[in-house]
């Protein structure tokens, strides 16, 4: 996984792509994602080495959702 501010990506085969929270959001359009739901999921993450990838992904989703706010 690599991430730079708003730009985020995961390489093919990255274990993150099988994480339940990634699976929850990856087929939704950005406009249909409720930022509060992502924030709630982020709040339940453990800030550890194992949780770093999903925390980065959810944080990116929140930043992207914020771009759509009027």
N, C-alpha and C. Protein backbone atom coordinates (compact mmCIF):
# COMPACT_ATOMS: atom_id res chain seq x y z
N UNK A 1 0.83 -1.17 0.00
CA UNK A 1 0.00 0.00 0.00
C UNK A 1 0.87 1.23 0.00
N UNK A 2 0.46 2.22 -0.77
CA UNK A 2 1.17 3.48 -0.78
C UNK A 2 0.13 4.58 -0.69
N UNK A 3 0.46 5.65 -0.02
CA UNK A 3 -0.48 6.75 0.06
C UNK A 3 0.23 8.07 0.19
N UNK A 4 -0.26 9.05 -0.50
CA UNK A 4 0.29 10.38 -0.45
C UNK A 4 -0.88 11.36 -0.39
N UNK A 5 -1.13 11.93 0.78
CA UNK A 5 -2.22 12.87 0.98
C UNK A 5 -3.53 12.29 0.42
N UNK A 6 -4.14 12.95 -0.54
CA UNK A 6 -5.42 12.51 -1.06
C UNK A 6 -5.28 11.32 -2.00
N UNK A 7 -4.09 11.13 -2.57
CA UNK A 7 -3.89 10.06 -3.53
C UNK A 7 -3.53 8.77 -2.81
N UNK A 8 -4.27 7.72 -3.10
CA UNK A 8 -4.10 6.46 -2.40
C UNK A 8 -4.24 5.34 -3.41
N UNK A 9 -3.48 4.28 -3.22
CA UNK A 9 -3.68 3.08 -4.04
C UNK A 9 -3.13 1.87 -3.31
N UNK A 10 -3.58 0.72 -3.73
CA UNK A 10 -3.07 -0.55 -3.21
C UNK A 10 -2.71 -1.41 -4.40
N UNK A 11 -1.58 -2.04 -4.33
CA UNK A 11 -1.14 -2.91 -5.41
C UNK A 11 -1.95 -4.21 -5.42
N UNK A 12 -2.06 -4.80 -6.57
CA UNK A 12 -2.77 -6.08 -6.70
C UNK A 12 -2.17 -7.10 -5.74
N UNK A 13 -3.03 -7.85 -5.08
CA UNK A 13 -2.57 -8.85 -4.13
C UNK A 13 -2.41 -8.34 -2.71
N UNK A 14 -2.57 -7.04 -2.51
CA UNK A 14 -2.46 -6.47 -1.17
C UNK A 14 -3.55 -7.07 -0.27
N UNK A 15 -3.20 -7.55 0.93
CA UNK A 15 -4.19 -8.14 1.83
C UNK A 15 -5.34 -7.18 2.17
N UNK A 16 -5.08 -5.89 2.09
CA UNK A 16 -6.14 -4.92 2.37
C UNK A 16 -7.35 -5.14 1.48
N UNK A 17 -7.13 -5.59 0.27
CA UNK A 17 -8.22 -5.75 -0.69
C UNK A 17 -9.22 -6.82 -0.26
N UNK A 18 -8.86 -7.63 0.73
CA UNK A 18 -9.75 -8.65 1.27
C UNK A 18 -10.34 -8.24 2.63
N UNK A 19 -9.96 -7.09 3.14
CA UNK A 19 -10.44 -6.64 4.45
C UNK A 19 -11.94 -6.34 4.36
N UNK A 20 -12.71 -6.74 5.36
CA UNK A 20 -14.17 -6.52 5.33
C UNK A 20 -14.58 -5.06 5.14
N UNK A 21 -13.83 -4.13 5.71
CA UNK A 21 -14.20 -2.72 5.55
C UNK A 21 -13.86 -2.21 4.14
N UNK A 22 -12.82 -2.72 3.55
CA UNK A 22 -12.55 -2.38 2.15
C UNK A 22 -13.67 -2.94 1.28
N UNK A 23 -14.03 -4.18 1.53
CA UNK A 23 -15.10 -4.83 0.77
C UNK A 23 -16.43 -4.08 0.91
N UNK A 24 -16.64 -3.48 2.06
CA UNK A 24 -17.88 -2.74 2.33
C UNK A 24 -18.04 -1.54 1.39
N UNK A 25 -16.95 -0.89 1.04
CA UNK A 25 -17.02 0.37 0.29
C UNK A 25 -16.55 0.32 -1.15
N UNK A 26 -15.79 -0.66 -1.54
CA UNK A 26 -15.05 -0.54 -2.80
C UNK A 26 -15.92 -0.54 -4.06
N UNK A 27 -17.15 -1.01 -4.01
CA UNK A 27 -18.01 -0.99 -5.19
C UNK A 27 -19.02 0.16 -5.17
N UNK A 28 -18.98 1.00 -4.17
CA UNK A 28 -19.91 2.12 -4.08
C UNK A 28 -19.31 3.35 -4.78
N UNK A 29 -20.19 4.17 -5.34
CA UNK A 29 -19.70 5.44 -5.88
C UNK A 29 -19.37 6.35 -4.71
N UNK A 30 -18.43 7.26 -4.92
CA UNK A 30 -18.01 8.17 -3.86
C UNK A 30 -19.21 8.97 -3.33
N UNK A 31 -20.07 9.40 -4.25
CA UNK A 31 -21.21 10.21 -3.85
C UNK A 31 -22.23 9.48 -3.00
N UNK A 32 -22.22 8.17 -3.03
CA UNK A 32 -23.19 7.40 -2.24
C UNK A 32 -22.66 6.99 -0.87
N UNK A 33 -21.40 7.27 -0.60
CA UNK A 33 -20.80 6.89 0.68
C UNK A 33 -21.12 7.93 1.74
N UNK A 34 -21.69 7.47 2.84
CA UNK A 34 -22.01 8.35 3.96
C UNK A 34 -20.74 8.54 4.81
N UNK A 35 -20.24 9.77 4.82
CA UNK A 35 -19.01 10.05 5.55
C UNK A 35 -19.11 9.65 7.02
N UNK A 36 -20.26 9.88 7.64
CA UNK A 36 -20.43 9.52 9.06
C UNK A 36 -20.26 8.02 9.28
N UNK A 37 -20.70 7.21 8.32
CA UNK A 37 -20.53 5.76 8.46
C UNK A 37 -19.05 5.37 8.39
N UNK A 38 -18.32 6.02 7.49
CA UNK A 38 -16.89 5.74 7.38
C UNK A 38 -16.18 6.18 8.66
N UNK A 39 -16.56 7.33 9.18
CA UNK A 39 -15.96 7.81 10.43
C UNK A 39 -16.24 6.84 11.58
N UNK A 40 -17.44 6.29 11.61
CA UNK A 40 -17.77 5.32 12.66
C UNK A 40 -16.91 4.06 12.50
N UNK A 41 -16.75 3.59 11.27
CA UNK A 41 -15.89 2.42 11.04
C UNK A 41 -14.45 2.72 11.43
N UNK A 42 -13.97 3.91 11.09
CA UNK A 42 -12.61 4.30 11.45
C UNK A 42 -12.44 4.33 12.96
N UNK A 43 -13.45 4.81 13.67
CA UNK A 43 -13.38 4.89 15.13
C UNK A 43 -13.23 3.51 15.77
N UNK A 44 -13.67 2.47 15.08
CA UNK A 44 -13.57 1.12 15.62
C UNK A 44 -12.26 0.41 15.28
N UNK A 45 -11.39 1.06 14.52
CA UNK A 45 -10.13 0.43 14.14
C UNK A 45 -9.10 0.52 15.26
N UNK A 46 -8.25 -0.47 15.32
CA UNK A 46 -7.15 -0.50 16.29
C UNK A 46 -5.93 0.15 15.63
N UNK A 47 -5.37 1.19 16.27
CA UNK A 47 -4.22 1.88 15.68
C UNK A 47 -2.92 1.10 15.88
N UNK A 48 -2.78 0.05 15.11
CA UNK A 48 -1.59 -0.81 15.21
C UNK A 48 -1.01 -1.01 13.81
N UNK A 49 0.09 -1.70 13.76
CA UNK A 49 0.70 -2.01 12.46
C UNK A 49 -0.29 -2.77 11.58
N UNK A 50 -1.01 -3.70 12.17
CA UNK A 50 -1.97 -4.49 11.40
C UNK A 50 -3.15 -3.65 10.93
N UNK A 51 -3.49 -2.61 11.67
CA UNK A 51 -4.63 -1.76 11.31
C UNK A 51 -4.27 -0.58 10.43
N UNK A 52 -2.99 -0.36 10.20
CA UNK A 52 -2.56 0.84 9.48
C UNK A 52 -3.14 0.94 8.08
N UNK A 53 -3.20 -0.15 7.35
CA UNK A 53 -3.67 -0.09 5.97
C UNK A 53 -5.15 0.28 5.89
N UNK A 54 -5.98 -0.33 6.72
CA UNK A 54 -7.41 -0.01 6.66
C UNK A 54 -7.66 1.39 7.21
N UNK A 55 -6.88 1.82 8.18
CA UNK A 55 -7.00 3.19 8.69
C UNK A 55 -6.66 4.18 7.58
N UNK A 56 -5.62 3.92 6.83
CA UNK A 56 -5.24 4.80 5.71
C UNK A 56 -6.34 4.83 4.66
N UNK A 57 -6.90 3.69 4.34
CA UNK A 57 -7.97 3.62 3.34
C UNK A 57 -9.21 4.39 3.79
N UNK A 58 -9.64 4.16 5.02
CA UNK A 58 -10.83 4.85 5.53
C UNK A 58 -10.59 6.35 5.64
N UNK A 59 -9.40 6.74 6.04
CA UNK A 59 -9.05 8.17 6.12
C UNK A 59 -9.11 8.80 4.74
N UNK A 60 -8.65 8.08 3.74
CA UNK A 60 -8.71 8.57 2.36
C UNK A 60 -10.16 8.72 1.92
N UNK A 61 -11.01 7.74 2.25
CA UNK A 61 -12.43 7.85 1.90
C UNK A 61 -13.06 9.09 2.53
N UNK A 62 -12.71 9.36 3.77
CA UNK A 62 -13.25 10.55 4.45
C UNK A 62 -12.79 11.81 3.74
N UNK A 63 -11.51 11.89 3.38
CA UNK A 63 -11.01 13.08 2.68
C UNK A 63 -11.70 13.26 1.33
N UNK A 64 -11.90 12.17 0.60
CA UNK A 64 -12.56 12.25 -0.70
C UNK A 64 -14.02 12.68 -0.52
N UNK A 65 -14.70 12.12 0.46
CA UNK A 65 -16.09 12.49 0.71
C UNK A 65 -16.19 13.98 1.09
N UNK A 66 -15.21 14.47 1.80
CA UNK A 66 -15.18 15.88 2.19
C UNK A 66 -15.08 16.79 0.97
N UNK A 67 -14.42 16.34 -0.08
CA UNK A 67 -14.31 17.13 -1.31
C UNK A 67 -15.68 17.39 -1.93
N UNK A 68 -16.63 16.53 -1.68
CA UNK A 68 -17.97 16.65 -2.27
C UNK A 68 -18.91 17.53 -1.46
N UNK A 69 -18.49 17.92 -0.28
CA UNK A 69 -19.34 18.75 0.56
C UNK A 69 -19.40 20.17 -0.02
N UNK A 70 -20.58 20.75 0.03
CA UNK A 70 -20.80 22.07 -0.54
C UNK A 70 -20.33 23.13 0.32
